[in-house]
Amino acid sequence: MTEKSPVNWAQIEAKPAFQALLGRKARFIISSTLFFVAYYFALPVLVGYFPDLMKKEVLGRLNLAYLFALSQFFMAWALAWIYTRKAAQWDKEAAEVVQGH
């Protein structure tokens, strides 16, 4: 069962406001993905090329490698939180474009 949408999606897609929204969204997603990948692969690179630095104990027997690995969890959670905030913003902007504001 399909119903014809009352919204002219081709017309909305051509709007400069919609194009700008897509551009902002793409810039955020690409830059945050690149940051995530760089941060994620930094640990094995640092451990491989700078093992003495990463073995340095900073909190008792806890070394930099373990702290960096733990920080990846917090970074992923923070990035997810930021994304959900931005996505809510994009949803509002998209709704305004669809309504013709």
PDB file of N, CA and C in Angstrom:
ATOM      1  N   MET A   1       0.849  -1.173   0.000  1.00  0.00           N
ATOM      2  CA  MET A   1       0.000   0.000   0.000  1.00  0.00           C
ATOM      3  C   MET A   1       0.896   1.239   0.000  1.00  0.00           C
ATOM      4  N   THR A   2       0.794   2.024  -1.038  1.00  0.00           N
ATOM      5  CA  THR A   2       1.598   3.241  -1.109  1.00  0.00           C
ATOM      6  C   THR A   2       0.683   4.438  -1.305  1.00  0.00           C
ATOM      7  N   GLU A   3       1.051   5.493  -0.660  1.00  0.00           N
ATOM      8  CA  GLU A   3       0.325   6.747  -0.807  1.00  0.00           C
ATOM      9  C   GLU A   3       1.268   7.766  -1.399  1.00  0.00           C
ATOM     10  N   LYS A   4       0.739   8.615  -2.234  1.00  0.00           N
ATOM     11  CA  LYS A   4       1.560   9.670  -2.803  1.00  0.00           C
ATOM     12  C   LYS A   4       1.792  10.725  -1.722  1.00  0.00           C
ATOM     13  N   SER A   5       3.053  11.106  -1.572  1.00  0.00           N
ATOM     14  CA  SER A   5       3.421  12.090  -0.565  1.00  0.00           C
ATOM     15  C   SER A   5       2.956  13.473  -0.992  1.00  0.00           C
ATOM     16  N   PRO A   6       2.393  14.258  -0.059  1.00  0.00           N
ATOM     17  CA  PRO A   6       1.970  15.614  -0.406  1.00  0.00           C
ATOM     18  C   PRO A   6       3.157  16.571  -0.565  1.00  0.00           C
ATOM     19  N   VAL A   7       4.356  16.092  -0.230  1.00  0.00           N
ATOM     20  CA  VAL A   7       5.549  16.926  -0.292  1.00  0.00           C
ATOM     21  C   VAL A   7       6.262  16.700  -1.625  1.00  0.00           C
ATOM     22  N   ASN A   8       6.641  17.782  -2.274  1.00  0.00           N
ATOM     23  CA  ASN A   8       7.401  17.697  -3.512  1.00  0.00           C
ATOM     24  C   ASN A   8       8.886  17.629  -3.150  1.00  0.00           C
ATOM     25  N   TRP A   9       9.399  16.409  -3.054  1.00  0.00           N
ATOM     26  CA  TRP A   9      10.762  16.206  -2.588  1.00  0.00           C
ATOM     27  C   TRP A   9      11.788  16.742  -3.578  1.00  0.00           C
ATOM     28  N   ALA A  10      11.504  16.685  -4.860  1.00  0.00           N
ATOM     29  CA  ALA A  10      12.439  17.218  -5.858  1.00  0.00           C
ATOM     30  C   ALA A  10      12.594  18.730  -5.690  1.00  0.00           C
ATOM     31  N   GLN A  11      11.499  19.413  -5.384  1.00  0.00           N
ATOM     32  CA  GLN A  11      11.549  20.859  -5.169  1.00  0.00           C
ATOM     33  C   GLN A  11      12.334  21.189  -3.894  1.00  0.00           C
ATOM     34  N   ILE A  12      12.127  20.407  -2.854  1.00  0.00           N
ATOM     35  CA  ILE A  12      12.847  20.636  -1.599  1.00  0.00           C
ATOM     36  C   ILE A  12      14.335  20.380  -1.790  1.00  0.00           C
ATOM     37  N   GLU A  13      14.662  19.352  -2.538  1.00  0.00           N
ATOM     38  CA  GLU A  13      16.063  19.017  -2.783  1.00  0.00           C
ATOM     39  C   GLU A  13      16.801  20.138  -3.513  1.00  0.00           C
ATOM     40  N   ALA A  14      16.093  20.898  -4.317  1.00  0.00           N
ATOM     41  CA  ALA A  14      16.703  21.981  -5.085  1.00  0.00           C
ATOM     42  C   ALA A  14      16.887  23.266  -4.271  1.00  0.00           C
ATOM     43  N   LYS A  15      16.255  23.350  -3.105  1.00  0.00           N
ATOM     44  CA  LYS A  15      16.349  24.570  -2.295  1.00  0.00           C
ATOM     45  C   LYS A  15      17.760  24.782  -1.771  1.00  0.00           C
ATOM     46  N   PRO A  16      18.249  26.017  -1.814  1.00  0.00           N
ATOM     47  CA  PRO A  16      19.582  26.303  -1.271  1.00  0.00           C
ATOM     48  C   PRO A  16      19.702  25.977   0.222  1.00  0.00           C
ATOM     49  N   ALA A  17      18.635  26.177   0.974  1.00  0.00           N
ATOM     50  CA  ALA A  17      18.671  25.873   2.412  1.00  0.00           C
ATOM     51  C   ALA A  17      18.891  24.382   2.643  1.00  0.00           C
ATOM     52  N   PHE A  18      18.271  23.566   1.810  1.00  0.00           N
ATOM     53  CA  PHE A  18      18.439  22.117   1.934  1.00  0.00           C
ATOM     54  C   PHE A  18      19.852  21.712   1.533  1.00  0.00           C
ATOM     55  N   GLN A  19      20.355  22.289   0.468  1.00  0.00           N
ATOM     56  CA  GLN A  19      21.714  21.998   0.015  1.00  0.00           C
ATOM     57  C   GLN A  19      22.738  22.409   1.086  1.00  0.00           C
ATOM     58  N   ALA A  20      22.506  23.559   1.706  1.00  0.00           N
ATOM     59  CA  ALA A  20      23.406  24.023   2.768  1.00  0.00           C
ATOM     60  C   ALA A  20      23.361  23.068   3.962  1.00  0.00           C
ATOM     61  N   LEU A  21      22.171  22.598   4.300  1.00  0.00           N
ATOM     62  CA  LEU A  21      22.020  21.641   5.399  1.00  0.00           C
ATOM     63  C   LEU A  21      22.791  20.362   5.096  1.00  0.00           C
ATOM     64  N   LEU A  22      22.661  19.855   3.882  1.00  0.00           N
ATOM     65  CA  LEU A  22      23.390  18.646   3.507  1.00  0.00           C
ATOM     66  C   LEU A  22      24.900  18.867   3.569  1.00  0.00           C
ATOM     67  N   GLY A  23      25.342  20.041   3.164  1.00  0.00           N
ATOM     68  CA  GLY A  23      26.764  20.355   3.219  1.00  0.00           C
ATOM     69  C   GLY A  23      27.292  20.383   4.643  1.00  0.00           C
ATOM     70  N   ARG A  24      26.555  21.034   5.543  1.00  0.00           N
ATOM     71  CA  ARG A  24      26.975  21.089   6.953  1.00  0.00           C
ATOM     72  C   ARG A  24      26.988  19.689   7.565  1.00  0.00           C
ATOM     73  N   LYS A  25      25.977  18.925   7.232  1.00  0.00           N
ATOM     74  CA  LYS A  25      25.884  17.569   7.756  1.00  0.00           C
ATOM     75  C   LYS A  25      27.052  16.713   7.249  1.00  0.00           C
ATOM     76  N   ALA A  26      27.352  16.802   5.969  1.00  0.00           N
ATOM     77  CA  ALA A  26      28.456  16.022   5.397  1.00  0.00           C
ATOM     78  C   ALA A  26      29.789  16.436   6.005  1.00  0.00           C
ATOM     79  N   ARG A  27      30.013  17.747   6.169  1.00  0.00           N
ATOM     80  CA  ARG A  27      31.269  18.212   6.762  1.00  0.00           C
ATOM     81  C   ARG A  27      31.440  17.668   8.173  1.00  0.00           C
ATOM     82  N   PHE A  28      30.370  17.699   8.966  1.00  0.00           N
ATOM     83  CA  PHE A  28      30.464  17.195  10.337  1.00  0.00           C
ATOM     84  C   PHE A  28      30.733  15.696  10.338  1.00  0.00           C
ATOM     85  N   ILE A  29      29.982  14.946   9.549  1.00  0.00           N
ATOM     86  CA  ILE A  29      30.119  13.486   9.552  1.00  0.00           C
ATOM     87  C   ILE A  29      31.495  13.067   9.051  1.00  0.00           C
ATOM     88  N   ILE A  30      31.971  13.683   7.989  1.00  0.00           N
ATOM     89  CA  ILE A  30      33.281  13.313   7.453  1.00  0.00           C
ATOM     90  C   ILE A  30      34.393  13.679   8.433  1.00  0.00           C
ATOM     91  N   SER A  31      34.342  14.888   8.978  1.00  0.00           N
ATOM     92  CA  SER A  31      35.408  15.295   9.901  1.00  0.00           C
ATOM     93  C   SER A  31      35.385  14.482  11.189  1.00  0.00           C
ATOM     94  N   SER A  32      34.216  14.183  11.719  1.00  0.00           N
ATOM     95  CA  SER A  32      34.167  13.391  12.949  1.00  0.00           C
ATOM     96  C   SER A  32      34.592  11.943  12.693  1.00  0.00           C
ATOM     97  N   THR A  33      34.282  11.418  11.523  1.00  0.00           N
ATOM     98  CA  THR A  33      34.719  10.061  11.184  1.00  0.00           C
ATOM     99  C   THR A  33      36.236  10.007  11.037  1.00  0.00           C
ATOM    100  N   LEU A  34      36.804  10.996  10.361  1.00  0.00           N
ATOM    101  CA  LEU A  34      38.259  11.044  10.227  1.00  0.00           C
ATOM    102  C   LEU A  34      38.930  11.177  11.594  1.00  0.00           C
ATOM    103  N   PHE A  35      38.371  12.021  12.458  1.00  0.00           N
ATOM    104  CA  PHE A  35      38.913  12.158  13.813  1.00  0.00           C
ATOM    105  C   PHE A  35      38.851  10.821  14.553  1.00  0.00           C
ATOM    106  N   PHE A  36      37.704  10.147  14.482  1.00  0.00           N
ATOM    107  CA  PHE A  36      37.538   8.872  15.180  1.00  0.00           C
ATOM    108  C   PHE A  36      38.554   7.842  14.694  1.00  0.00           C
ATOM    109  N   VAL A  37      38.698   7.716  13.389  1.00  0.00           N
ATOM    110  CA  VAL A  37      39.623   6.728  12.827  1.00  0.00           C
ATOM    111  C   VAL A  37      41.064   7.058  13.227  1.00  0.00           C
ATOM    112  N   ALA A  38      41.443   8.335  13.148  1.00  0.00           N
ATOM    113  CA  ALA A  38      42.800   8.737  13.536  1.00  0.00           C
ATOM    114  C   ALA A  38      43.043   8.451  15.020  1.00  0.00           C
ATOM    115  N   TYR A  39      42.066   8.775  15.858  1.00  0.00           N
ATOM    116  CA  TYR A  39      42.208   8.546  17.297  1.00  0.00           C
ATOM    117  C   TYR A  39      42.289   7.055  17.595  1.00  0.00           C
ATOM    118  N   TYR A  40      41.464   6.274  16.923  1.00  0.00           N
ATOM    119  CA  TYR A  40      41.427   4.833  17.149  1.00  0.00           C
ATOM    120  C   TYR A  40      42.753   4.184  16.760  1.00  0.00           C
ATOM    121  N   PHE A  41      43.290   4.547  15.602  1.00  0.00           N
ATOM    122  CA  PHE A  41      44.536   3.937  15.136  1.00  0.00           C
ATOM    123  C   PHE A  41      45.787   4.565  15.757  1.00  0.00           C
ATOM    124  N   ALA A  42      45.623   5.650  16.480  1.00  0.00           N
ATOM    125  CA  ALA A  42      46.776   6.264  17.141  1.00  0.00           C
ATOM    126  C   ALA A  42      47.367   5.331  18.195  1.00  0.00           C
ATOM    127  N   LEU A  43      46.538   4.578  18.887  1.00  0.00           N
ATOM    128  CA  LEU A  43      47.049   3.690  19.942  1.00  0.00           C
ATOM    129  C   LEU A  43      48.004   2.638  19.387  1.00  0.00           C
ATOM    130  N   PRO A  44      47.614   1.835  18.401  1.00  0.00           N
ATOM    131  CA  PRO A  44      48.580   0.840  17.909  1.00  0.00           C
ATOM    132  C   PRO A  44      49.815   1.480  17.259  1.00  0.00           C
ATOM    133  N   VAL A  45      49.634   2.625  16.629  1.00  0.00           N
ATOM    134  CA  VAL A  45      50.784   3.314  16.030  1.00  0.00           C
ATOM    135  C   VAL A  45      51.739   3.791  17.121  1.00  0.00           C
ATOM    136  N   LEU A  46      51.197   4.406  18.163  1.00  0.00           N
ATOM    137  CA  LEU A  46      52.043   4.882  19.260  1.00  0.00           C
ATOM    138  C   LEU A  46      52.738   3.734  19.982  1.00  0.00           C
ATOM    139  N   VAL A  47      52.006   2.667  20.222  1.00  0.00           N
ATOM    140  CA  VAL A  47      52.602   1.510  20.895  1.00  0.00           C
ATOM    141  C   VAL A  47      53.681   0.889  20.009  1.00  0.00           C
ATOM    142  N   GLY A  48      53.443   0.863  18.709  1.00  0.00           N
ATOM    143  CA  GLY A  48      54.416   0.267  17.790  1.00  0.00           C
ATOM    144  C   GLY A  48      55.670   1.102  17.607  1.00  0.00           C
ATOM    145  N   TYR A  49      55.507   2.419  17.464  1.00  0.00           N
ATOM    146  CA  TYR A  49      56.650   3.278  17.178  1.00  0.00           C
ATOM    147  C   TYR A  49      57.282   3.933  18.419  1.00  0.00           C
ATOM    148  N   PHE A  50      56.515   4.058  19.488  1.00  0.00           N
ATOM    149  CA  PHE A  50      57.027   4.693  20.706  1.00  0.00           C
ATOM    150  C   PHE A  50      56.710   3.834  21.939  1.00  0.00           C
ATOM    151  N   PRO A  51      57.208   2.600  21.954  1.00  0.00           N
ATOM    152  CA  PRO A  51      56.847   1.707  23.060  1.00  0.00           C
ATOM    153  C   PRO A  51      57.332   2.196  24.427  1.00  0.00           C
ATOM    154  N   ASP A  52      58.490   2.823  24.456  1.00  0.00           N
ATOM    155  CA  ASP A  52      58.999   3.298  25.754  1.00  0.00           C
ATOM    156  C   ASP A  52      58.116   4.398  26.327  1.00  0.00           C
ATOM    157  N   LEU A  53      57.637   5.277  25.459  1.00  0.00           N
ATOM    158  CA  LEU A  53      56.728   6.334  25.909  1.00  0.00           C
ATOM    159  C   LEU A  53      55.421   5.746  26.430  1.00  0.00           C
ATOM    160  N   MET A  54      54.875   4.802  25.705  1.00  0.00           N
ATOM    161  CA  MET A  54      53.578   4.238  26.094  1.00  0.00           C
ATOM    162  C   MET A  54      53.683   3.338  27.321  1.00  0.00           C
ATOM    163  N   LYS A  55      54.898   2.863  27.641  1.00  0.00           N
ATOM    164  CA  LYS A  55      55.101   2.046  28.852  1.00  0.00           C
ATOM    165  C   LYS A  55      55.243   2.901  30.109  1.00  0.00           C
ATOM    166  N   LYS A  56      55.362   4.195  29.915  1.00  0.00           N
ATOM    167  CA  LYS A  56      55.576   5.085  31.064  1.00  0.00           C
ATOM    168  C   LYS A  56      54.386   4.999  32.017  1.00  0.00           C
ATOM    169  N   GLU A  57      54.667   4.705  33.272  1.00  0.00           N
ATOM    170  CA  GLU A  57      53.611   4.583  34.288  1.00  0.00           C
ATOM    171  C   GLU A  57      53.236   5.979  34.774  1.00  0.00           C
ATOM    172  N   VAL A  58      51.945   6.265  34.805  1.00  0.00           N
ATOM    173  CA  VAL A  58      51.481   7.598  35.176  1.00  0.00           C
ATOM    174  C   VAL A  58      50.611   7.592  36.430  1.00  0.00           C
ATOM    175  N   LEU A  59      49.901   6.531  36.675  1.00  0.00           N
ATOM    176  CA  LEU A  59      49.067   6.396  37.884  1.00  0.00           C
ATOM    177  C   LEU A  59      49.344   5.026  38.490  1.00  0.00           C
ATOM    178  N   GLY A  60      50.314   4.981  39.382  1.00  0.00           N
ATOM    179  CA  GLY A  60      50.686   3.681  39.938  1.00  0.00           C
ATOM    180  C   GLY A  60      51.284   2.825  38.840  1.00  0.00           C
ATOM    181  N   ARG A  61      50.739   1.639  38.635  1.00  0.00           N
ATOM    182  CA  ARG A  61      51.228   0.749  37.580  1.00  0.00           C
ATOM    183  C   ARG A  61      50.497   0.980  36.254  1.00  0.00           C
ATOM    184  N   LEU A  62      49.589   1.923  36.233  1.00  0.00           N
ATOM    185  CA  LEU A  62      48.821   2.223  35.016  1.00  0.00           C
ATOM    186  C   LEU A  62      49.683   3.053  34.075  1.00  0.00           C
ATOM    187  N   ASN A  63      49.873   2.547  32.854  1.00  0.00           N
ATOM    188  CA  ASN A  63      50.746   3.257  31.917  1.00  0.00           C
ATOM    189  C   ASN A  63      49.941   4.059  30.885  1.00  0.00           C
ATOM    190  N   LEU A  64      50.660   4.812  30.070  1.00  0.00           N
ATOM    191  CA  LEU A  64      50.015   5.661  29.069  1.00  0.00           C
ATOM    192  C   LEU A  64      49.187   4.858  28.063  1.00  0.00           C
ATOM    193  N   ALA A  65      49.660   3.680  27.690  1.00  0.00           N
ATOM    194  CA  ALA A  65      48.920   2.857  26.726  1.00  0.00           C
ATOM    195  C   ALA A  65      47.536   2.496  27.267  1.00  0.00           C
ATOM    196  N   TYR A  66      47.483   2.076  28.531  1.00  0.00           N
ATOM    197  CA  TYR A  66      46.191   1.730  29.121  1.00  0.00           C
ATOM    198  C   TYR A  66      45.280   2.950  29.256  1.00  0.00           C
ATOM    199  N   LEU A  67      45.857   4.070  29.646  1.00  0.00           N
ATOM    200  CA  LEU A  67      45.048   5.299  29.753  1.00  0.00           C
ATOM    201  C   LEU A  67      44.508   5.726  28.388  1.00  0.00           C
ATOM    202  N   PHE A  68      45.351   5.617  27.368  1.00  0.00           N
ATOM    203  CA  PHE A  68      44.905   5.980  26.026  1.00  0.00           C
ATOM    204  C   PHE A  68      43.790   5.048  25.571  1.00  0.00           C
ATOM    205  N   ALA A  69      43.957   3.753  25.833  1.00  0.00           N
ATOM    206  CA  ALA A  69      42.912   2.785  25.458  1.00  0.00           C
ATOM    207  C   ALA A  69      41.602   3.099  26.178  1.00  0.00           C
ATOM    208  N   LEU A  70      41.688   3.431  27.457  1.00  0.00           N
ATOM    209  CA  LEU A  70      40.489   3.798  28.215  1.00  0.00           C
ATOM    210  C   LEU A  70      39.865   5.086  27.671  1.00  0.00           C
ATOM    211  N   SER A  71      40.708   6.013  27.272  1.00  0.00           N
ATOM    212  CA  SER A  71      40.188   7.284  26.753  1.00  0.00           C
ATOM    213  C   SER A  71      39.385   7.090  25.469  1.00  0.00           C
ATOM    214  N   GLN A  72      39.649   6.017  24.746  1.00  0.00           N
ATOM    215  CA  GLN A  72      38.902   5.771  23.512  1.00  0.00           C
ATOM    216  C   GLN A  72      37.422   5.526  23.791  1.00  0.00           C
ATOM    217  N   PHE A  73      37.119   4.901  24.923  1.00  0.00           N
ATOM    218  CA  PHE A  73      35.718   4.712  25.298  1.00  0.00           C
ATOM    219  C   PHE A  73      35.043   6.064  25.529  1.00  0.00           C
ATOM    220  N   PHE A  74      35.708   6.916  26.286  1.00  0.00           N
ATOM    221  CA  PHE A  74      35.134   8.227  26.585  1.00  0.00           C
ATOM    222  C   PHE A  74      35.014   9.087  25.331  1.00  0.00           C
ATOM    223  N   MET A  75      35.998   8.983  24.448  1.00  0.00           N
ATOM    224  CA  MET A  75      35.948   9.735  23.200  1.00  0.00           C
ATOM    225  C   MET A  75      34.771   9.272  22.345  1.00  0.00           C
ATOM    226  N   ALA A  76      34.554   7.967  22.266  1.00  0.00           N
ATOM    227  CA  ALA A  76      33.442   7.443  21.477  1.00  0.00           C
ATOM    228  C   ALA A  76      32.103   7.887  22.070  1.00  0.00           C
ATOM    229  N   TRP A  77      31.978   7.855  23.382  1.00  0.00           N
ATOM    230  CA  TRP A  77      30.738   8.300  24.030  1.00  0.00           C
ATOM    231  C   TRP A  77      30.514   9.794  23.793  1.00  0.00           C
ATOM    232  N   ALA A  78      31.570  10.581  23.909  1.00  0.00           N
ATOM    233  CA  ALA A  78      31.450  12.027  23.682  1.00  0.00           C
ATOM    234  C   ALA A  78      31.073  12.319  22.241  1.00  0.00           C
ATOM    235  N   LEU A  79      31.683  11.611  21.324  1.00  0.00           N
ATOM    236  CA  LEU A  79      31.362  11.813  19.911  1.00  0.00           C
ATOM    237  C   LEU A  79      29.914  11.419  19.616  1.00  0.00           C
ATOM    238  N   ALA A  80      29.452  10.344  20.226  1.00  0.00           N
ATOM    239  CA  ALA A  80      28.055   9.929  20.045  1.00  0.00           C
ATOM    240  C   ALA A  80      27.101  10.973  20.624  1.00  0.00           C
ATOM    241  N   TRP A  81      27.439  11.531  21.782  1.00  0.00           N
ATOM    242  CA  TRP A  81      26.605  12.559  22.405  1.00  0.00           C
ATOM    243  C   TRP A  81      26.542  13.807  21.521  1.00  0.00           C
ATOM    244  N   ILE A  82      27.707  14.223  21.014  1.00  0.00           N
ATOM    245  CA  ILE A  82      27.745  15.394  20.128  1.00  0.00           C
ATOM    246  C   ILE A  82      26.920  15.131  18.873  1.00  0.00           C
ATOM    247  N   TYR A  83      27.051  13.936  18.310  1.00  0.00           N
ATOM    248  CA  TYR A  83      26.291  13.610  17.105  1.00  0.00           C
ATOM    249  C   TYR A  83      24.787  13.662  17.354  1.00  0.00           C
ATOM    250  N   THR A  84      24.327  13.139  18.477  1.00  0.00           N
ATOM    251  CA  THR A  84      22.880  13.159  18.742  1.00  0.00           C
ATOM    252  C   THR A  84      22.365  14.590  18.870  1.00  0.00           C
ATOM    253  N   ARG A  85      23.168  15.464  19.458  1.00  0.00           N
ATOM    254  CA  ARG A  85      22.784  16.887  19.551  1.00  0.00           C
ATOM    255  C   ARG A  85      22.712  17.516  18.172  1.00  0.00           C
ATOM    256  N   LYS A  86      23.731  17.257  17.353  1.00  0.00           N
ATOM    257  CA  LYS A  86      23.756  17.819  16.004  1.00  0.00           C
ATOM    258  C   LYS A  86      22.611  17.245  15.157  1.00  0.00           C
ATOM    259  N   ALA A  87      22.338  15.960  15.299  1.00  0.00           N
ATOM    260  CA  ALA A  87      21.274  15.325  14.516  1.00  0.00           C
ATOM    261  C   ALA A  87      19.914  15.929  14.864  1.00  0.00           C
ATOM    262  N   ALA A  88      19.698  16.235  16.131  1.00  0.00           N
ATOM    263  CA  ALA A  88      18.440  16.879  16.530  1.00  0.00           C
ATOM    264  C   ALA A  88      18.327  18.260  15.888  1.00  0.00           C
ATOM    265  N   GLN A  89      19.446  18.965  15.810  1.00  0.00           N
ATOM    266  CA  GLN A  89      19.478  20.272  15.157  1.00  0.00           C
ATOM    267  C   GLN A  89      19.159  20.135  13.668  1.00  0.00           C
ATOM    268  N   TRP A  90      19.767  19.142  13.035  1.00  0.00           N
ATOM    269  CA  TRP A  90      19.518  18.916  11.606  1.00  0.00           C
ATOM    270  C   TRP A  90      18.063  18.544  11.352  1.00  0.00           C
ATOM    271  N   ASP A  91      17.475  17.763  12.239  1.00  0.00           N
ATOM    272  CA  ASP A  91      16.070  17.398  12.085  1.00  0.00           C
ATOM    273  C   ASP A  91      15.166  18.627  12.118  1.00  0.00           C
ATOM    274  N   LYS A  92      15.463  19.552  13.034  1.00  0.00           N
ATOM    275  CA  LYS A  92      14.671  20.785  13.116  1.00  0.00           C
ATOM    276  C   LYS A  92      14.823  21.608  11.846  1.00  0.00           C
ATOM    277  N   GLU A  93      16.064  21.734  11.371  1.00  0.00           N
ATOM    278  CA  GLU A  93      16.309  22.500  10.154  1.00  0.00           C
ATOM    279  C   GLU A  93      15.631  21.852   8.947  1.00  0.00           C
ATOM    280  N   ALA A  94      15.680  20.531   8.869  1.00  0.00           N
ATOM    281  CA  ALA A  94      15.044  19.816   7.760  1.00  0.00           C
ATOM    282  C   ALA A  94      13.522  20.030   7.795  1.00  0.00           C
ATOM    283  N   ALA A  95      12.943  20.002   8.989  1.00  0.00           N
ATOM    284  CA  ALA A  95      11.504  20.218   9.116  1.00  0.00           C
ATOM    285  C   ALA A  95      11.129  21.626   8.657  1.00  0.00           C
ATOM    286  N   GLU A  96      11.978  22.604   8.983  1.00  0.00           N
ATOM    287  CA  GLU A  96      11.720  23.981   8.529  1.00  0.00           C
ATOM    288  C   GLU A  96      11.806  24.089   7.012  1.00  0.00           C
ATOM    289  N   VAL A  97      12.744  23.398   6.404  1.00  0.00           N
ATOM    290  CA  VAL A  97      12.875  23.424   4.945  1.00  0.00           C
ATOM    291  C   VAL A  97      11.644  22.777   4.310  1.00  0.00           C
ATOM    292  N   VAL A  98      11.206  21.669   4.856  1.00  0.00           N
ATOM    293  CA  VAL A  98      10.034  20.968   4.304  1.00  0.00           C
ATOM    294  C   VAL A  98       8.782  21.828   4.434  1.00  0.00           C
ATOM    295  N   GLN A  99       8.649  22.528   5.559  1.00  0.00           N
ATOM    296  CA  GLN A  99       7.473  23.379   5.774  1.00  0.00           C
ATOM    297  C   GLN A  99       7.532  24.665   4.965  1.00  0.00           C
ATOM    298  N   GLY A 100       8.686  24.954   4.398  1.00  0.00           N
ATOM    299  CA  GLY A 100       8.799  26.134   3.561  1.00  0.00           C
ATOM    300  C   GLY A 100       9.182  27.396   4.289  1.00  0.00           C
ATOM    301  N   HIS A 101       9.741  27.289   5.464  1.00  0.00           N
ATOM    302  CA  HIS A 101      10.144  28.467   6.240  1.00  0.00           C
ATOM    303  C   HIS A 101      11.459  28.983   5.777  1.00  0.00           C
TER     304      HIS A 101
END
